[in-house]
């Protein structure tokens, strides 16, 4: 399925899951929110911050920062 010119993951096809994930992220703050957004981008958007921006409306900078924080914490 295409939304805004971006192929969406099959599990997000009905749109309800997108709203649930957006709601979950909106109830988090700071590093926890960014880590969640990065994890959902990997799971549902093939790791693309730009696709996460199009599908979820999240800042791609926040998603990228979430990835960087996780990488820094690991090693």
N, C-alpha and C. Protein backbone atom coordinates (compact mmCIF):
# COMPACT_ATOMS: atom_id res chain seq x y z
N UNK A 1 0.84 -1.19 0.00
CA UNK A 1 0.00 0.00 0.00
C UNK A 1 0.88 1.24 0.00
N UNK A 2 0.48 2.26 -0.72
CA UNK A 2 1.26 3.50 -0.77
C UNK A 2 0.51 4.61 -0.04
N UNK A 3 1.27 5.36 0.74
CA UNK A 3 0.75 6.56 1.40
C UNK A 3 1.77 7.65 1.19
N UNK A 4 1.34 8.76 0.72
CA UNK A 4 2.23 9.90 0.51
C UNK A 4 3.44 9.51 -0.33
N UNK A 5 3.24 8.60 -1.29
CA UNK A 5 4.33 8.19 -2.15
C UNK A 5 5.33 7.27 -1.48
N UNK A 6 4.98 6.73 -0.30
CA UNK A 6 5.87 5.86 0.44
C UNK A 6 5.19 4.53 0.67
N UNK A 7 5.88 3.45 0.38
CA UNK A 7 5.33 2.11 0.62
C UNK A 7 5.29 1.87 2.12
N UNK A 8 4.14 1.48 2.63
CA UNK A 8 3.99 1.22 4.06
C UNK A 8 4.07 -0.28 4.33
N UNK A 9 4.54 -0.63 5.49
CA UNK A 9 4.61 -2.02 5.91
C UNK A 9 3.21 -2.63 5.89
N UNK A 10 3.11 -3.91 5.56
CA UNK A 10 1.82 -4.58 5.48
C UNK A 10 1.07 -4.53 6.80
N UNK A 11 1.78 -4.63 7.92
CA UNK A 11 1.12 -4.61 9.22
C UNK A 11 0.52 -3.24 9.54
N UNK A 12 0.88 -2.22 8.81
CA UNK A 12 0.36 -0.88 9.04
C UNK A 12 -0.69 -0.49 8.01
N UNK A 13 -1.10 -1.44 7.17
CA UNK A 13 -1.96 -1.15 6.03
C UNK A 13 -3.31 -0.54 6.43
N UNK A 14 -3.89 -0.95 7.55
CA UNK A 14 -5.22 -0.44 7.90
C UNK A 14 -5.19 0.94 8.52
N UNK A 15 -4.04 1.41 8.95
CA UNK A 15 -3.92 2.76 9.50
C UNK A 15 -4.14 2.83 10.99
N UNK A 16 -4.88 1.89 11.56
CA UNK A 16 -5.13 1.90 13.00
C UNK A 16 -3.86 1.72 13.80
N UNK A 17 -2.98 0.85 13.31
CA UNK A 17 -1.72 0.62 14.00
C UNK A 17 -0.85 1.87 13.99
N UNK A 18 -0.90 2.61 12.90
CA UNK A 18 -0.13 3.85 12.81
C UNK A 18 -0.57 4.81 13.91
N UNK A 19 -1.87 4.95 14.06
CA UNK A 19 -2.39 5.85 15.10
C UNK A 19 -2.01 5.37 16.49
N UNK A 20 -2.04 4.06 16.72
CA UNK A 20 -1.65 3.52 18.02
C UNK A 20 -0.19 3.81 18.34
N UNK A 21 0.68 3.63 17.34
CA UNK A 21 2.10 3.89 17.54
C UNK A 21 2.37 5.38 17.76
N UNK A 22 1.65 6.23 17.02
CA UNK A 22 1.80 7.67 17.21
C UNK A 22 1.36 8.08 18.61
N UNK A 23 0.27 7.48 19.09
CA UNK A 23 -0.22 7.78 20.44
C UNK A 23 0.78 7.32 21.49
N UNK A 24 1.31 6.12 21.31
CA UNK A 24 2.30 5.61 22.26
C UNK A 24 3.51 6.53 22.33
N UNK A 25 4.00 6.95 21.18
CA UNK A 25 5.16 7.86 21.15
C UNK A 25 4.84 9.20 21.79
N UNK A 26 3.62 9.66 21.60
CA UNK A 26 3.26 10.98 22.14
C UNK A 26 3.21 10.98 23.66
N UNK A 27 3.08 9.81 24.26
CA UNK A 27 3.04 9.73 25.72
C UNK A 27 4.41 9.53 26.36
N UNK A 28 5.43 9.48 25.52
CA UNK A 28 6.81 9.35 26.00
C UNK A 28 7.52 10.69 25.81
N UNK A 29 8.65 10.83 26.46
CA UNK A 29 9.42 12.06 26.30
C UNK A 29 10.90 11.73 26.13
N UNK A 30 11.61 12.67 25.57
CA UNK A 30 13.06 12.62 25.49
C UNK A 30 13.65 11.39 24.83
N UNK A 31 14.71 10.86 25.46
CA UNK A 31 15.45 9.74 24.90
C UNK A 31 14.58 8.50 24.75
N UNK A 32 13.65 8.30 25.67
CA UNK A 32 12.77 7.13 25.58
C UNK A 32 11.91 7.20 24.32
N UNK A 33 11.38 8.39 24.02
CA UNK A 33 10.57 8.57 22.81
C UNK A 33 11.41 8.36 21.55
N UNK A 34 12.58 8.94 21.53
CA UNK A 34 13.44 8.80 20.34
C UNK A 34 13.85 7.35 20.12
N UNK A 35 14.15 6.63 21.20
CA UNK A 35 14.51 5.21 21.07
C UNK A 35 13.33 4.40 20.53
N UNK A 36 12.14 4.70 21.01
CA UNK A 36 10.93 4.02 20.53
C UNK A 36 10.71 4.32 19.04
N UNK A 37 10.82 5.57 18.67
CA UNK A 37 10.63 5.96 17.28
C UNK A 37 11.66 5.26 16.38
N UNK A 38 12.91 5.18 16.83
CA UNK A 38 13.94 4.51 16.05
C UNK A 38 13.62 3.02 15.90
N UNK A 39 13.18 2.39 16.98
CA UNK A 39 12.85 0.97 16.93
C UNK A 39 11.67 0.70 15.99
N UNK A 40 10.67 1.58 16.00
CA UNK A 40 9.52 1.40 15.12
C UNK A 40 9.89 1.67 13.66
N UNK A 41 10.83 2.60 13.46
CA UNK A 41 11.31 2.86 12.09
C UNK A 41 12.02 1.63 11.54
N UNK A 42 12.81 0.98 12.37
CA UNK A 42 13.50 -0.24 11.93
C UNK A 42 12.48 -1.34 11.64
N UNK A 43 11.52 -1.49 12.53
CA UNK A 43 10.54 -2.58 12.40
C UNK A 43 9.57 -2.37 11.24
N UNK A 44 9.07 -1.17 11.07
CA UNK A 44 7.98 -0.93 10.12
C UNK A 44 8.37 -0.16 8.87
N UNK A 45 9.53 0.46 8.88
CA UNK A 45 9.91 1.33 7.76
C UNK A 45 11.26 0.95 7.16
N UNK A 46 11.66 -0.28 7.30
CA UNK A 46 12.94 -0.77 6.76
C UNK A 46 14.12 0.08 7.22
N UNK A 47 14.02 0.64 8.41
CA UNK A 47 15.12 1.44 8.95
C UNK A 47 15.26 2.82 8.34
N UNK A 48 14.25 3.28 7.62
CA UNK A 48 14.33 4.57 6.94
C UNK A 48 13.70 5.67 7.79
N UNK A 49 14.52 6.63 8.21
CA UNK A 49 14.00 7.76 8.97
C UNK A 49 13.05 8.60 8.11
N UNK A 50 13.36 8.70 6.82
CA UNK A 50 12.48 9.48 5.92
C UNK A 50 11.12 8.81 5.78
N UNK A 51 11.12 7.49 5.68
CA UNK A 51 9.85 6.77 5.58
C UNK A 51 9.06 6.90 6.88
N UNK A 52 9.75 6.83 8.02
CA UNK A 52 9.08 7.01 9.31
C UNK A 52 8.47 8.40 9.41
N UNK A 53 9.16 9.38 8.86
CA UNK A 53 8.63 10.74 8.84
C UNK A 53 7.34 10.80 8.03
N UNK A 54 7.33 10.13 6.87
CA UNK A 54 6.14 10.14 6.01
C UNK A 54 4.99 9.33 6.59
N UNK A 55 5.30 8.17 7.16
CA UNK A 55 4.25 7.27 7.66
C UNK A 55 3.70 7.75 9.00
N UNK A 56 4.58 8.10 9.93
CA UNK A 56 4.16 8.43 11.28
C UNK A 56 4.10 9.92 11.57
N UNK A 57 4.75 10.73 10.74
CA UNK A 57 4.77 12.17 10.98
C UNK A 57 5.81 12.58 12.01
N UNK A 58 6.73 11.66 12.33
CA UNK A 58 7.78 11.95 13.30
C UNK A 58 8.94 12.68 12.63
N UNK A 59 9.65 13.45 13.40
CA UNK A 59 10.84 14.14 12.90
C UNK A 59 11.91 13.11 12.57
N UNK A 60 12.41 13.15 11.34
CA UNK A 60 13.45 12.18 10.99
C UNK A 60 14.73 12.44 11.78
N UNK A 61 14.93 13.69 12.18
CA UNK A 61 16.09 14.01 13.02
C UNK A 61 15.97 13.29 14.36
N UNK A 62 14.78 13.26 14.94
CA UNK A 62 14.57 12.57 16.21
C UNK A 62 14.82 11.07 16.06
N UNK A 63 14.35 10.48 14.96
CA UNK A 63 14.57 9.05 14.71
C UNK A 63 16.07 8.77 14.58
N UNK A 64 16.77 9.60 13.82
CA UNK A 64 18.21 9.42 13.65
C UNK A 64 18.96 9.59 14.97
N UNK A 65 18.52 10.53 15.78
CA UNK A 65 19.14 10.74 17.09
C UNK A 65 18.90 9.53 17.99
N UNK A 66 17.71 8.93 17.90
CA UNK A 66 17.42 7.71 18.65
C UNK A 66 18.36 6.59 18.26
N UNK A 67 18.64 6.44 16.96
CA UNK A 67 19.59 5.41 16.50
C UNK A 67 20.97 5.70 17.05
N UNK A 68 21.40 6.96 16.95
CA UNK A 68 22.74 7.33 17.42
C UNK A 68 22.90 7.06 18.91
N UNK A 69 21.87 7.35 19.67
CA UNK A 69 21.93 7.11 21.12
C UNK A 69 22.06 5.63 21.42
N UNK A 70 21.31 4.81 20.69
CA UNK A 70 21.40 3.36 20.90
C UNK A 70 22.79 2.84 20.53
N UNK A 71 23.33 3.33 19.44
CA UNK A 71 24.67 2.89 19.02
C UNK A 71 25.70 3.30 20.06
N UNK A 72 25.59 4.50 20.58
CA UNK A 72 26.54 4.99 21.57
C UNK A 72 26.46 4.23 22.88
N UNK A 73 25.27 3.78 23.24
CA UNK A 73 25.08 3.05 24.48
C UNK A 73 25.66 1.64 24.39
N UNK A 74 25.75 1.11 23.19
CA UNK A 74 26.23 -0.26 23.03
C UNK A 74 27.74 -0.35 22.98
N UNK A 75 28.37 0.67 22.50
CA UNK A 75 29.79 0.46 22.38
C UNK A 75 30.56 1.67 22.29
